[in-house]
Amino acid sequence: QGDSPLQSGLACAARRQRVAVVANVLVRMGGGEKQIREVVIDAAGAVVSSYGKRHLFPSERWPLGFSPSSDAPTVAPLLGGRVGLLICYEGVYPELSGDWSQVDGLRRSGAQALLWSIGSHLPV
């Protein structure tokens, strides 16, 4: 899942406030590579799902140095439902590329809605 101080802080805040949190976190993985990940944290502060961004915007590779994830399309439990996770550029990627396989995979996996989060570039 990688190392992210932000993720630890979000989990503590979720537990303290008894709310679910979904957020982009920038993590350094075990092998040193950097990934953009979406974490779903329940109201008890537990990470119930984590998804690594597969389709990077060109500037995320260079000069920022992020690596794409090989994670399968991910559907997460959230507030009694099931949401498919998309991160930033992945929301427009199908329209630009004609490759709808990620969105189709989310639908096949039981997504009732898509959660499309937009992040920013912060140092990892």
Foldseek 3Di string as FASTA:
>chain_A
DADFPVLQVVLVVLQVVLAKDWDWTWGQDPVRAIWIKIFIAGSNSHTQDMGTAADDDVVCCPPVNHDHDPDAFDWGDDPNFIETEAEACSVCVCVVPVDCPSVVRSVVVHHPYYDYYYDDDDHD
